[in-house]
Amino acid sequence: VVRRGRRSSGINAEYGLEKELINCQKQVIDLQKKVIELQDEGLSAAKAVSDTVKSEMKTFSSVISTNCAAAVSPSKLQAAFKKTIASTPDNVDRSCNLMIFNLEEEKGSVDTAATVEEDRKAVEKILEELNEKMKLTDVKRVGAKSEKKTRPMIATLSSRENLLTLLKKARELKKTKNFHSVYIGPDRTFEERESRRKTLETLKRLRSENSEKQYVLRKGVIVCNEISG
Protein backbone atom coordinates (compact mmCIF):
# COMPACT_ATOMS: atom_id res chain seq x y z
CA VAL A 1 0.00 0.00 0.00
CA VAL A 2 2.84 2.29 0.87
CA ARG A 3 4.57 1.63 -2.45
CA ARG A 4 1.39 2.32 -4.39
CA GLY A 5 0.89 5.58 -2.50
CA ARG A 6 4.45 6.70 -3.22
CA ARG A 7 4.12 5.75 -6.86
CA SER A 8 0.84 7.57 -7.21
CA SER A 9 2.30 10.62 -5.51
CA GLY A 10 5.31 10.59 -7.85
CA ILE A 11 3.08 10.36 -10.88
CA ASN A 12 1.00 13.28 -9.68
CA ALA A 13 4.11 15.37 -9.05
CA GLU A 14 5.50 14.57 -12.48
CA TYR A 15 2.14 15.41 -14.08
CA GLY A 16 2.05 18.71 -12.18
CA LEU A 17 5.56 19.60 -13.34
CA GLU A 18 4.73 18.75 -16.92
CA LYS A 19 1.60 20.89 -16.76
CA GLU A 20 3.56 23.77 -15.25
CA LEU A 21 6.16 23.38 -17.97
CA ILE A 22 3.46 23.56 -20.64
CA ASN A 23 2.05 26.69 -19.04
CA CYS A 24 5.50 28.23 -18.98
CA GLN A 25 5.97 27.41 -22.65
CA LYS A 26 2.63 29.06 -23.46
CA GLN A 27 3.68 32.13 -21.53
CA VAL A 28 6.96 32.25 -23.44
CA ILE A 29 5.07 31.93 -26.74
CA ASP A 30 2.68 34.71 -25.70
CA LEU A 31 5.61 36.91 -24.73
CA GLN A 32 7.29 36.22 -28.06
CA LYS A 33 4.10 37.23 -29.87
CA LYS A 34 3.95 40.47 -27.90
CA VAL A 35 7.59 41.17 -28.71
CA ILE A 36 6.90 40.60 -32.41
CA GLU A 37 3.85 42.88 -32.26
CA LEU A 38 5.85 45.59 -30.52
CA GLN A 39 8.61 45.22 -33.10
CA ASP A 40 6.07 45.55 -35.90
CA GLU A 41 4.60 48.64 -34.24
CA GLY A 42 8.09 50.04 -33.77
CA LEU A 43 8.95 49.46 -37.42
CA SER A 44 5.70 51.07 -38.53
CA ALA A 45 6.30 54.04 -36.28
CA ALA A 46 9.91 54.35 -37.45
CA LYS A 47 8.80 54.16 -41.07
CA ALA A 48 6.16 56.80 -40.45
CA VAL A 49 8.73 59.08 -38.83
CA SER A 50 11.18 58.41 -41.67
CA ASP A 51 8.55 59.19 -44.32
CA THR A 52 7.59 62.39 -42.51
CA VAL A 53 11.21 63.51 -42.24
CA LYS A 54 11.84 62.76 -45.91
CA SER A 55 8.73 64.69 -46.92
CA GLU A 56 9.70 67.67 -44.77
CA MET A 57 13.26 67.62 -46.11
CA LYS A 58 11.98 67.64 -49.69
CA THR A 59 9.72 70.58 -48.91
CA PHE A 60 12.55 72.40 -47.15
CA SER A 61 14.94 71.66 -50.02
CA SER A 62 12.42 72.96 -52.54
CA VAL A 63 11.93 76.19 -50.59
CA ILE A 64 15.66 76.71 -50.18
CA SER A 65 16.34 76.00 -53.86
CA THR A 66 13.66 78.43 -55.01
CA ASN A 67 14.55 81.22 -52.62
CA CYS A 68 18.31 80.83 -52.91
CA ALA A 69 18.16 80.68 -56.70
CA ALA A 70 16.46 84.05 -56.67
CA ALA A 71 18.69 85.44 -53.94
CA VAL A 72 21.96 84.48 -55.61
CA SER A 73 21.03 84.97 -59.25
CA PRO A 74 23.92 86.22 -61.44
CA SER A 75 22.39 89.68 -61.80
CA LYS A 76 21.99 90.10 -58.04
CA LEU A 77 25.50 88.79 -57.38
CA GLN A 78 26.92 91.22 -59.92
CA ALA A 79 24.97 94.12 -58.40
CA ALA A 80 26.12 93.17 -54.90
CA PHE A 81 29.71 92.87 -56.10
CA LYS A 82 29.60 96.31 -57.73
CA LYS A 83 28.05 97.80 -54.61
CA THR A 84 30.77 96.28 -52.43
CA ILE A 85 33.52 97.55 -54.72
CA ALA A 86 31.98 101.00 -54.89
CA SER A 87 31.72 101.24 -51.09
CA THR A 88 35.31 100.11 -50.52
CA PRO A 89 37.72 102.99 -49.87
CA ASP A 90 40.23 103.35 -52.69
CA ASN A 91 43.58 104.26 -51.15
CA VAL A 92 45.71 103.07 -54.06
CA ASP A 93 48.10 105.63 -55.51
CA ARG A 94 47.27 105.71 -59.23
CA SER A 95 48.97 109.00 -60.02
CA CYS A 96 51.79 107.38 -62.03
CA ASN A 97 49.91 104.37 -63.42
CA LEU A 98 49.34 103.87 -67.13
CA MET A 99 46.63 101.45 -68.24
CA ILE A 100 47.40 99.56 -71.46
CA PHE A 101 44.68 97.65 -73.34
CA ASN A 102 44.85 95.05 -76.14
CA LEU A 103 48.57 94.49 -75.74
CA GLU A 104 49.31 90.91 -76.81
CA GLU A 105 49.77 88.54 -73.88
CA GLU A 106 51.95 85.45 -73.58
CA LYS A 107 49.99 82.19 -73.46
CA GLY A 108 49.99 80.04 -70.35
CA SER A 109 47.92 79.28 -67.28
CA VAL A 110 49.93 81.41 -64.83
CA ASP A 111 52.17 84.46 -64.78
CA THR A 112 55.87 83.74 -64.52
CA ALA A 113 59.00 85.85 -64.27
CA ALA A 114 59.51 85.26 -68.00
CA THR A 115 56.01 86.51 -68.96
CA VAL A 116 56.40 89.58 -66.75
CA GLU A 117 59.72 90.34 -68.44
CA GLU A 118 58.10 89.98 -71.88
CA ASP A 119 55.40 92.44 -70.83
CA ARG A 120 58.04 94.91 -69.67
CA LYS A 121 59.85 94.67 -73.00
CA ALA A 122 56.56 95.23 -74.86
CA VAL A 123 55.86 98.41 -72.86
CA GLU A 124 59.37 99.64 -73.58
CA LYS A 125 58.71 99.14 -77.31
CA ILE A 126 55.55 101.24 -76.97
CA LEU A 127 57.62 104.00 -75.40
CA GLU A 128 60.06 103.77 -78.29
CA GLU A 129 57.22 104.11 -80.80
CA LEU A 130 56.21 107.32 -79.03
CA ASN A 131 59.83 108.53 -79.01
CA GLU A 132 60.01 108.38 -75.24
CA LYS A 133 62.51 106.75 -72.93
CA MET A 134 61.16 106.48 -69.41
CA LYS A 135 61.85 104.37 -66.35
CA LEU A 136 59.29 101.70 -65.48
CA THR A 137 58.99 100.91 -61.78
CA ASP A 138 56.42 98.13 -62.21
CA VAL A 139 54.53 96.21 -64.89
CA LYS A 140 51.65 93.82 -64.17
CA ARG A 141 48.55 92.33 -65.74
CA VAL A 142 45.14 92.90 -64.17
CA GLY A 143 42.63 90.12 -63.53
CA ALA A 144 42.60 86.34 -63.89
CA LYS A 145 44.43 84.87 -66.85
CA SER A 146 42.24 83.49 -69.64
CA GLU A 147 42.79 81.98 -73.07
CA LYS A 148 39.73 83.81 -74.41
CA LYS A 149 40.75 87.39 -73.72
CA THR A 150 43.76 89.61 -73.27
CA ARG A 151 44.07 91.18 -69.84
CA PRO A 152 44.78 94.89 -69.49
CA MET A 153 48.12 95.94 -68.04
CA ILE A 154 49.24 98.53 -65.52
CA ALA A 155 52.63 100.13 -66.10
CA THR A 156 53.85 102.31 -63.27
CA LEU A 157 56.08 105.21 -64.32
CA SER A 158 58.62 107.09 -62.24
CA SER A 159 56.69 110.37 -62.23
CA ARG A 160 53.31 111.96 -62.87
CA GLU A 161 54.85 114.18 -65.53
CA ASN A 162 55.93 111.14 -67.54
CA LEU A 163 52.40 109.75 -67.38
CA LEU A 164 50.87 113.01 -68.66
CA THR A 165 53.40 113.12 -71.48
CA LEU A 166 52.39 109.64 -72.66
CA LEU A 167 48.67 110.37 -72.37
CA LYS A 168 49.08 113.36 -74.69
CA LYS A 169 50.64 111.04 -77.27
CA ALA A 170 48.07 108.26 -76.85
CA ARG A 171 46.47 108.83 -80.28
CA GLU A 172 49.80 108.43 -82.04
CA LEU A 173 49.71 104.68 -81.35
CA LYS A 174 46.96 104.30 -83.98
CA LYS A 175 49.45 105.40 -86.62
CA THR A 176 52.02 102.75 -85.71
CA LYS A 177 52.35 99.38 -87.41
CA ASN A 178 52.76 97.18 -84.35
CA PHE A 179 50.54 98.92 -81.82
CA HIS A 180 47.70 100.45 -83.86
CA SER A 181 45.11 98.43 -81.89
CA VAL A 182 46.63 99.20 -78.48
CA TYR A 183 44.95 101.80 -76.32
CA ILE A 184 46.51 103.59 -73.33
CA GLY A 185 44.83 105.67 -70.65
CA PRO A 186 45.02 106.68 -66.99
CA ASP A 187 44.42 104.19 -64.18
CA ARG A 188 40.96 105.16 -62.94
CA THR A 189 39.06 104.23 -59.78
CA PHE A 190 35.90 102.13 -59.92
CA GLU A 191 33.69 105.22 -59.73
CA GLU A 192 35.67 106.93 -62.48
CA ARG A 193 35.44 103.89 -64.73
CA GLU A 194 31.68 103.66 -64.23
CA SER A 195 31.25 107.36 -64.91
CA ARG A 196 33.34 107.18 -68.07
CA ARG A 197 31.47 104.09 -69.27
CA LYS A 198 28.13 105.88 -68.95
CA THR A 199 29.54 108.97 -70.68
CA LEU A 200 30.79 106.89 -73.62
CA GLU A 201 27.41 105.14 -73.89
CA THR A 202 25.71 108.54 -74.01
CA LEU A 203 28.18 109.77 -76.62
CA LYS A 204 27.53 106.72 -78.79
CA ARG A 205 23.76 107.18 -78.51
CA LEU A 206 23.92 110.89 -79.39
CA ARG A 207 26.04 110.18 -82.46
CA SER A 208 23.61 107.53 -83.71
CA GLU A 209 20.51 109.66 -83.11
CA ASN A 210 21.88 112.96 -84.47
CA SER A 211 23.86 112.38 -87.63
CA GLU A 212 23.68 116.07 -88.54
CA LYS A 213 25.68 116.99 -85.44
CA GLN A 214 29.19 116.11 -84.39
CA TYR A 215 29.65 114.99 -80.82
CA VAL A 216 33.13 114.73 -79.31
CA LEU A 217 34.52 114.07 -75.88
CA ARG A 218 36.80 116.75 -74.46
CA LYS A 219 38.29 116.37 -71.00
CA GLY A 220 35.48 114.03 -70.00
CA VAL A 221 32.70 116.30 -71.26
CA ILE A 222 30.54 115.71 -74.35
CA VAL A 223 30.72 118.67 -76.73
CA CYS A 224 28.45 119.22 -79.74
CA ASN A 225 29.78 120.78 -82.93
CA GLU A 226 27.43 121.74 -85.70
CA ILE A 227 28.34 120.24 -89.07
CA SER A 228 28.41 123.00 -91.68
CA GLY A 229 26.57 122.15 -94.90
C-alpha atoms as a PDB file:
ATOM      1  CA  VAL A   1       0.000   0.000   0.000  1.00  0.00           C
ATOM      2  CA  VAL A   2       2.837   2.291   0.868  1.00  0.00           C
ATOM      3  CA  ARG A   3       4.569   1.625  -2.451  1.00  0.00           C
ATOM      4  CA  ARG A   4       1.392   2.317  -4.389  1.00  0.00           C
ATOM      5  CA  GLY A   5       0.891   5.580  -2.503  1.00  0.00           C
ATOM      6  CA  ARG A   6       4.445   6.695  -3.224  1.00  0.00           C
ATOM      7  CA  ARG A   7       4.121   5.747  -6.863  1.00  0.00           C
ATOM      8  CA  SER A   8       0.838   7.575  -7.212  1.00  0.00           C
ATOM      9  CA  SER A   9       2.301  10.617  -5.507  1.00  0.00           C
ATOM     10  CA  GLY A  10       5.315  10.589  -7.849  1.00  0.00           C
ATOM     11  CA  ILE A  11       3.082  10.357 -10.881  1.00  0.00           C
ATOM     12  CA  ASN A  12       0.996  13.281  -9.679  1.00  0.00           C
ATOM     13  CA  ALA A  13       4.107  15.373  -9.053  1.00  0.00           C
ATOM     14  CA  GLU A  14       5.495  14.568 -12.484  1.00  0.00           C
ATOM     15  CA  TYR A  15       2.139  15.411 -14.083  1.00  0.00           C
ATOM     16  CA  GLY A  16       2.048  18.713 -12.179  1.00  0.00           C
ATOM     17  CA  LEU A  17       5.563  19.602 -13.336  1.00  0.00           C
ATOM     18  CA  GLU A  18       4.730  18.754 -16.915  1.00  0.00           C
ATOM     19  CA  LYS A  19       1.599  20.890 -16.760  1.00  0.00           C
ATOM     20  CA  GLU A  20       3.561  23.766 -15.255  1.00  0.00           C
ATOM     21  CA  LEU A  21       6.163  23.381 -17.974  1.00  0.00           C
ATOM     22  CA  ILE A  22       3.465  23.559 -20.636  1.00  0.00           C
ATOM     23  CA  ASN A  23       2.049  26.687 -19.042  1.00  0.00           C
ATOM     24  CA  CYS A  24       5.501  28.233 -18.985  1.00  0.00           C
ATOM     25  CA  GLN A  25       5.972  27.409 -22.649  1.00  0.00           C
ATOM     26  CA  LYS A  26       2.632  29.061 -23.464  1.00  0.00           C
ATOM     27  CA  GLN A  27       3.678  32.131 -21.535  1.00  0.00           C
ATOM     28  CA  VAL A  28       6.960  32.253 -23.441  1.00  0.00           C
ATOM     29  CA  ILE A  29       5.074  31.933 -26.743  1.00  0.00           C
ATOM     30  CA  ASP A  30       2.679  34.710 -25.700  1.00  0.00           C
ATOM     31  CA  LEU A  31       5.606  36.910 -24.731  1.00  0.00           C
ATOM     32  CA  GLN A  32       7.293  36.217 -28.061  1.00  0.00           C
ATOM     33  CA  LYS A  33       4.096  37.230 -29.870  1.00  0.00           C
ATOM     34  CA  LYS A  34       3.947  40.469 -27.899  1.00  0.00           C
ATOM     35  CA  VAL A  35       7.589  41.169 -28.711  1.00  0.00           C
ATOM     36  CA  ILE A  36       6.901  40.602 -32.414  1.00  0.00           C
ATOM     37  CA  GLU A  37       3.846  42.875 -32.258  1.00  0.00           C
ATOM     38  CA  LEU A  38       5.854  45.585 -30.523  1.00  0.00           C
ATOM     39  CA  GLN A  39       8.614  45.218 -33.100  1.00  0.00           C
ATOM     40  CA  ASP A  40       6.071  45.552 -35.902  1.00  0.00           C
ATOM     41  CA  GLU A  41       4.599  48.637 -34.237  1.00  0.00           C
ATOM     42  CA  GLY A  42       8.092  50.044 -33.773  1.00  0.00           C
ATOM     43  CA  LEU A  43       8.953  49.464 -37.417  1.00  0.00           C
ATOM     44  CA  SER A  44       5.704  51.070 -38.529  1.00  0.00           C
ATOM     45  CA  ALA A  45       6.301  54.041 -36.284  1.00  0.00           C
ATOM     46  CA  ALA A  46       9.911  54.351 -37.447  1.00  0.00           C
ATOM     47  CA  LYS A  47       8.795  54.159 -41.074  1.00  0.00           C
ATOM     48  CA  ALA A  48       6.160  56.804 -40.447  1.00  0.00           C
ATOM     49  CA  VAL A  49       8.733  59.078 -38.828  1.00  0.00           C
ATOM     50  CA  SER A  50      11.184  58.410 -41.674  1.00  0.00           C
ATOM     51  CA  ASP A  51       8.555  59.189 -44.318  1.00  0.00           C
ATOM     52  CA  THR A  52       7.591  62.392 -42.513  1.00  0.00           C
ATOM     53  CA  VAL A  53      11.213  63.505 -42.239  1.00  0.00           C
ATOM     54  CA  LYS A  54      11.838  62.763 -45.910  1.00  0.00           C
ATOM     55  CA  SER A  55       8.731  64.690 -46.917  1.00  0.00           C
ATOM     56  CA  GLU A  56       9.695  67.672 -44.773  1.00  0.00           C
ATOM     57  CA  MET A  57      13.255  67.616 -46.105  1.00  0.00           C
ATOM     58  CA  LYS A  58      11.981  67.640 -49.694  1.00  0.00           C
ATOM     59  CA  THR A  59       9.724  70.583 -48.909  1.00  0.00           C
ATOM     60  CA  PHE A  60      12.553  72.403 -47.149  1.00  0.00           C
ATOM     61  CA  SER A  61      14.942  71.664 -50.019  1.00  0.00           C
ATOM     62  CA  SER A  62      12.415  72.965 -52.541  1.00  0.00           C
ATOM     63  CA  VAL A  63      11.926  76.189 -50.591  1.00  0.00           C
ATOM     64  CA  ILE A  64      15.657  76.710 -50.177  1.00  0.00           C
ATOM     65  CA  SER A  65      16.341  76.003 -53.856  1.00  0.00           C
ATOM     66  CA  THR A  66      13.663  78.427 -55.009  1.00  0.00           C
ATOM     67  CA  ASN A  67      14.554  81.225 -52.623  1.00  0.00           C
ATOM     68  CA  CYS A  68      18.312  80.830 -52.912  1.00  0.00           C
ATOM     69  CA  ALA A  69      18.158  80.677 -56.704  1.00  0.00           C
ATOM     70  CA  ALA A  70      16.458  84.051 -56.674  1.00  0.00           C
ATOM     71  CA  ALA A  71      18.685  85.441 -53.944  1.00  0.00           C
ATOM     72  CA  VAL A  72      21.958  84.482 -55.614  1.00  0.00           C
ATOM     73  CA  SER A  73      21.035  84.973 -59.249  1.00  0.00           C
ATOM     74  CA  PRO A  74      23.924  86.220 -61.439  1.00  0.00           C
ATOM     75  CA  SER A  75      22.389  89.684 -61.800  1.00  0.00           C
ATOM     76  CA  LYS A  76      21.993  90.099 -58.043  1.00  0.00           C
ATOM     77  CA  LEU A  77      25.495  88.785 -57.383  1.00  0.00           C
ATOM     78  CA  GLN A  78      26.918  91.225 -59.916  1.00  0.00           C
ATOM     79  CA  ALA A  79      24.966  94.118 -58.403  1.00  0.00           C
ATOM     80  CA  ALA A  80      26.116  93.168 -54.896  1.00  0.00           C
ATOM     81  CA  PHE A  81      29.713  92.874 -56.099  1.00  0.00           C
ATOM     82  CA  LYS A  82      29.604  96.308 -57.727  1.00  0.00           C
ATOM     83  CA  LYS A  83      28.051  97.799 -54.610  1.00  0.00           C
ATOM     84  CA  THR A  84      30.771  96.276 -52.434  1.00  0.00           C
ATOM     85  CA  ILE A  85      33.524  97.546 -54.721  1.00  0.00           C
ATOM     86  CA  ALA A  86      31.979 101.001 -54.887  1.00  0.00           C
ATOM     87  CA  SER A  87      31.724 101.237 -51.090  1.00  0.00           C
ATOM     88  CA  THR A  88      35.312 100.114 -50.524  1.00  0.00           C
ATOM     89  CA  PRO A  89      37.722 102.993 -49.867  1.00  0.00           C
ATOM     90  CA  ASP A  90      40.234 103.352 -52.690  1.00  0.00           C
ATOM     91  CA  ASN A  91      43.575 104.262 -51.154  1.00  0.00           C
ATOM     92  CA  VAL A  92      45.707 103.070 -54.060  1.00  0.00           C
ATOM     93  CA  ASP A  93      48.103 105.631 -55.512  1.00  0.00           C
ATOM     94  CA  ARG A  94      47.272 105.714 -59.230  1.00  0.00           C
ATOM     95  CA  SER A  95      48.968 109.002 -60.017  1.00  0.00           C
ATOM     96  CA  CYS A  96      51.787 107.377 -62.033  1.00  0.00           C
ATOM     97  CA  ASN A  97      49.908 104.366 -63.416  1.00  0.00           C
ATOM     98  CA  LEU A  98      49.338 103.873 -67.130  1.00  0.00           C
ATOM     99  CA  MET A  99      46.631 101.454 -68.241  1.00  0.00           C
ATOM    100  CA  ILE A 100      47.395  99.556 -71.455  1.00  0.00           C
ATOM    101  CA  PHE A 101      44.682  97.649 -73.337  1.00  0.00           C
ATOM    102  CA  ASN A 102      44.850  95.050 -76.138  1.00  0.00           C
ATOM    103  CA  LEU A 103      48.572  94.495 -75.745  1.00  0.00           C
ATOM    104  CA  GLU A 104      49.311  90.913 -76.807  1.00  0.00           C
ATOM    105  CA  GLU A 105      49.770  88.540 -73.880  1.00  0.00           C
ATOM    106  CA  GLU A 106      51.946  85.452 -73.584  1.00  0.00           C
ATOM    107  CA  LYS A 107      49.991  82.190 -73.457  1.00  0.00           C
ATOM    108  CA  GLY A 108      49.986  80.039 -70.349  1.00  0.00           C
ATOM    109  CA  SER A 109      47.924  79.282 -67.276  1.00  0.00           C
ATOM    110  CA  VAL A 110      49.931  81.405 -64.828  1.00  0.00           C
ATOM    111  CA  ASP A 111      52.173  84.457 -64.782  1.00  0.00           C
ATOM    112  CA  THR A 112      55.868  83.743 -64.519  1.00  0.00           C
ATOM    113  CA  ALA A 113      59.001  85.850 -64.271  1.00  0.00           C
ATOM    114  CA  ALA A 114      59.505  85.257 -68.000  1.00  0.00           C
ATOM    115  CA  THR A 115      56.012  86.512 -68.956  1.00  0.00           C
ATOM    116  CA  VAL A 116      56.405  89.584 -66.750  1.00  0.00           C
ATOM    117  CA  GLU A 117      59.716  90.335 -68.440  1.00  0.00           C
ATOM    118  CA  GLU A 118      58.097  89.978 -71.880  1.00  0.00           C
ATOM    119  CA  ASP A 119      55.399  92.439 -70.834  1.00  0.00           C
ATOM    120  CA  ARG A 120      58.042  94.907 -69.673  1.00  0.00           C
ATOM    121  CA  LYS A 121      59.845  94.673 -73.002  1.00  0.00           C
ATOM    122  CA  ALA A 122      56.557  95.226 -74.855  1.00  0.00           C
ATOM    123  CA  VAL A 123      55.858  98.408 -72.855  1.00  0.00           C
ATOM    124  CA  GLU A 124      59.372  99.643 -73.577  1.00  0.00           C
ATOM    125  CA  LYS A 125      58.712  99.135 -77.307  1.00  0.00           C
ATOM    126  CA  ILE A 126      55.554 101.237 -76.974  1.00  0.00           C
ATOM    127  CA  LEU A 127      57.620 104.000 -75.400  1.00  0.00           C
ATOM    128  CA  GLU A 128      60.061 103.769 -78.286  1.00  0.00           C
ATOM    129  CA  GLU A 129      57.217 104.107 -80.801  1.00  0.00           C
ATOM    130  CA  LEU A 130      56.214 107.318 -79.029  1.00  0.00           C
ATOM    131  CA  ASN A 131      59.833 108.525 -79.011  1.00  0.00           C
ATOM    132  CA  GLU A 132      60.013 108.379 -75.238  1.00  0.00           C
ATOM    133  CA  LYS A 133      62.508 106.748 -72.933  1.00  0.00           C
ATOM    134  CA  MET A 134      61.164 106.482 -69.408  1.00  0.00           C
ATOM    135  CA  LYS A 135      61.855 104.366 -66.347  1.00  0.00           C
ATOM    136  CA  LEU A 136      59.287 101.700 -65.481  1.00  0.00           C
ATOM    137  CA  THR A 137      58.986 100.915 -61.781  1.00  0.00           C
ATOM    138  CA  ASP A 138      56.423  98.132 -62.212  1.00  0.00           C
ATOM    139  CA  VAL A 139      54.532  96.209 -64.888  1.00  0.00           C
ATOM    140  CA  LYS A 140      51.651  93.820 -64.175  1.00  0.00           C
ATOM    141  CA  ARG A 141      48.555  92.327 -65.743  1.00  0.00           C
ATOM    142  CA  VAL A 142      45.139  92.904 -64.172  1.00  0.00           C
ATOM    143  CA  GLY A 143      42.628  90.116 -63.526  1.00  0.00           C
ATOM    144  CA  ALA A 144      42.604  86.343 -63.890  1.00  0.00           C
ATOM    145  CA  LYS A 145      44.431  84.869 -66.849  1.00  0.00           C
ATOM    146  CA  SER A 146      42.239  83.490 -69.640  1.00  0.00           C
ATOM    147  CA  GLU A 147      42.791  81.975 -73.066  1.00  0.00           C
ATOM    148  CA  LYS A 148      39.727  83.805 -74.407  1.00  0.00           C
ATOM    149  CA  LYS A 149      40.750  87.386 -73.722  1.00  0.00           C
ATOM    150  CA  THR A 150      43.762  89.613 -73.267  1.00  0.00           C
ATOM    151  CA  ARG A 151      44.069  91.179 -69.844  1.00  0.00           C
ATOM    152  CA  PRO A 152      44.783  94.894 -69.486  1.00  0.00           C
ATOM    153  CA  MET A 153      48.120  95.945 -68.041  1.00  0.00           C
ATOM    154  CA  ILE A 154      49.239  98.532 -65.520  1.00  0.00           C
ATOM    155  CA  ALA A 155      52.626 100.132 -66.105  1.00  0.00           C
ATOM    156  CA  THR A 156      53.848 102.315 -63.274  1.00  0.00           C
ATOM    157  CA  LEU A 157      56.082 105.207 -64.316  1.00  0.00           C
ATOM    158  CA  SER A 158      58.625 107.090 -62.239  1.00  0.00           C
ATOM    159  CA  SER A 159      56.690 110.367 -62.229  1.00  0.00           C
ATOM    160  CA  ARG A 160      53.308 111.963 -62.867  1.00  0.00           C
ATOM    161  CA  GLU A 161      54.851 114.184 -65.530  1.00  0.00           C
ATOM    162  CA  ASN A 162      55.930 111.137 -67.539  1.00  0.00           C
ATOM    163  CA  LEU A 163      52.402 109.753 -67.379  1.00  0.00           C
ATOM    164  CA  LEU A 164      50.866 113.007 -68.656  1.00  0.00           C
ATOM    165  CA  THR A 165      53.399 113.117 -71.482  1.00  0.00           C
ATOM    166  CA  LEU A 166      52.390 109.645 -72.660  1.00  0.00           C
ATOM    167  CA  LEU A 167      48.673 110.367 -72.373  1.00  0.00           C
ATOM    168  CA  LYS A 168      49.082 113.361 -74.691  1.00  0.00           C
ATOM    169  CA  LYS A 169      50.644 111.036 -77.271  1.00  0.00           C
ATOM    170  CA  ALA A 170      48.068 108.255 -76.852  1.00  0.00           C
ATOM    171  CA  ARG A 171      46.468 108.825 -80.281  1.00  0.00           C
ATOM    172  CA  GLU A 172      49.798 108.430 -82.042  1.00  0.00           C
ATOM    173  CA  LEU A 173      49.710 104.676 -81.353  1.00  0.00           C
ATOM    174  CA  LYS A 174      46.956 104.298 -83.985  1.00  0.00           C
ATOM    175  CA  LYS A 175      49.452 105.401 -86.625  1.00  0.00           C
ATOM    176  CA  THR A 176      52.015 102.754 -85.709  1.00  0.00           C
ATOM    177  CA  LYS A 177      52.352  99.384 -87.411  1.00  0.00           C
ATOM    178  CA  ASN A 178      52.763  97.182 -84.351  1.00  0.00           C
ATOM    179  CA  PHE A 179      50.543  98.922 -81.816  1.00  0.00           C
ATOM    180  CA  HIS A 180      47.701 100.449 -83.856  1.00  0.00           C
ATOM    181  CA  SER A 181      45.112  98.432 -81.895  1.00  0.00           C
ATOM    182  CA  VAL A 182      46.632  99.196 -78.484  1.00  0.00           C
ATOM    183  CA  TYR A 183      44.948 101.804 -76.316  1.00  0.00           C
ATOM    184  CA  ILE A 184      46.506 103.594 -73.334  1.00  0.00           C
ATOM    185  CA  GLY A 185      44.830 105.674 -70.655  1.00  0.00           C
ATOM    186  CA  PRO A 186      45.021 106.681 -66.989  1.00  0.00           C
ATOM    187  CA  ASP A 187      44.421 104.194 -64.176  1.00  0.00           C
ATOM    188  CA  ARG A 188      40.961 105.159 -62.940  1.00  0.00           C
ATOM    189  CA  THR A 189      39.060 104.225 -59.777  1.00  0.00           C
ATOM    190  CA  PHE A 190      35.900 102.127 -59.924  1.00  0.00           C
ATOM    191  CA  GLU A 191      33.687 105.225 -59.733  1.00  0.00           C
ATOM    192  CA  GLU A 192      35.674 106.935 -62.480  1.00  0.00           C
ATOM    193  CA  ARG A 193      35.443 103.890 -64.734  1.00  0.00           C
ATOM    194  CA  GLU A 194      31.685 103.663 -64.227  1.00  0.00           C
ATOM    195  CA  SER A 195      31.247 107.361 -64.909  1.00  0.00           C
ATOM    196  CA  ARG A 196      33.336 107.181 -68.073  1.00  0.00           C
ATOM    197  CA  ARG A 197      31.474 104.087 -69.268  1.00  0.00           C
ATOM    198  CA  LYS A 198      28.133 105.877 -68.946  1.00  0.00           C
ATOM    199  CA  THR A 199      29.541 108.969 -70.681  1.00  0.00           C
ATOM    200  CA  LEU A 200      30.786 106.893 -73.620  1.00  0.00           C
ATOM    201  CA  GLU A 201      27.415 105.141 -73.891  1.00  0.00           C
ATOM    202  CA  THR A 202      25.710 108.536 -74.009  1.00  0.00           C
ATOM    203  CA  LEU A 203      28.180 109.770 -76.622  1.00  0.00           C
ATOM    204  CA  LYS A 204      27.529 106.718 -78.793  1.00  0.00           C
ATOM    205  CA  ARG A 205      23.762 107.176 -78.515  1.00  0.00           C
ATOM    206  CA  LEU A 206      23.919 110.889 -79.392  1.00  0.00           C
ATOM    207  CA  ARG A 207      26.041 110.184 -82.461  1.00  0.00           C
ATOM    208  CA  SER A 208      23.613 107.526 -83.715  1.00  0.00           C
ATOM    209  CA  GLU A 209      20.512 109.664 -83.108  1.00  0.00           C
ATOM    210  CA  ASN A 210      21.876 112.958 -84.474  1.00  0.00           C
ATOM    211  CA  SER A 211      23.863 112.382 -87.626  1.00  0.00           C
ATOM    212  CA  GLU A 212      23.683 116.074 -88.544  1.00  0.00           C
ATOM    213  CA  LYS A 213      25.676 116.987 -85.439  1.00  0.00           C
ATOM    214  CA  GLN A 214      29.188 116.114 -84.389  1.00  0.00           C
ATOM    215  CA  TYR A 215      29.651 114.995 -80.816  1.00  0.00           C
ATOM    216  CA  VAL A 216      33.125 114.726 -79.310  1.00  0.00           C
ATOM    217  CA  LEU A 217      34.522 114.066 -75.877  1.00  0.00           C
ATOM    218  CA  ARG A 218      36.796 116.755 -74.456  1.00  0.00           C
ATOM    219  CA  LYS A 219      38.286 116.372 -71.003  1.00  0.00           C
ATOM    220  CA  GLY A 220      35.480 114.029 -70.001  1.00  0.00           C
ATOM    221  CA  VAL A 221      32.702 116.298 -71.260  1.00  0.00           C
ATOM    222  CA  ILE A 222      30.535 115.709 -74.349  1.00  0.00           C
ATOM    223  CA  VAL A 223      30.715 118.671 -76.726  1.00  0.00           C
ATOM    224  CA  CYS A 224      28.449 119.216 -79.736  1.00  0.00           C
ATOM    225  CA  ASN A 225      29.783 120.778 -82.926  1.00  0.00           C
ATOM    226  CA  GLU A 226      27.430 121.744 -85.703  1.00  0.00           C
ATOM    227  CA  ILE A 227      28.338 120.243 -89.069  1.00  0.00           C
ATOM    228  CA  SER A 228      28.408 123.003 -91.677  1.00  0.00           C
ATOM    229  CA  GLY A 229      26.569 122.151 -94.899  1.00  0.00           C
END
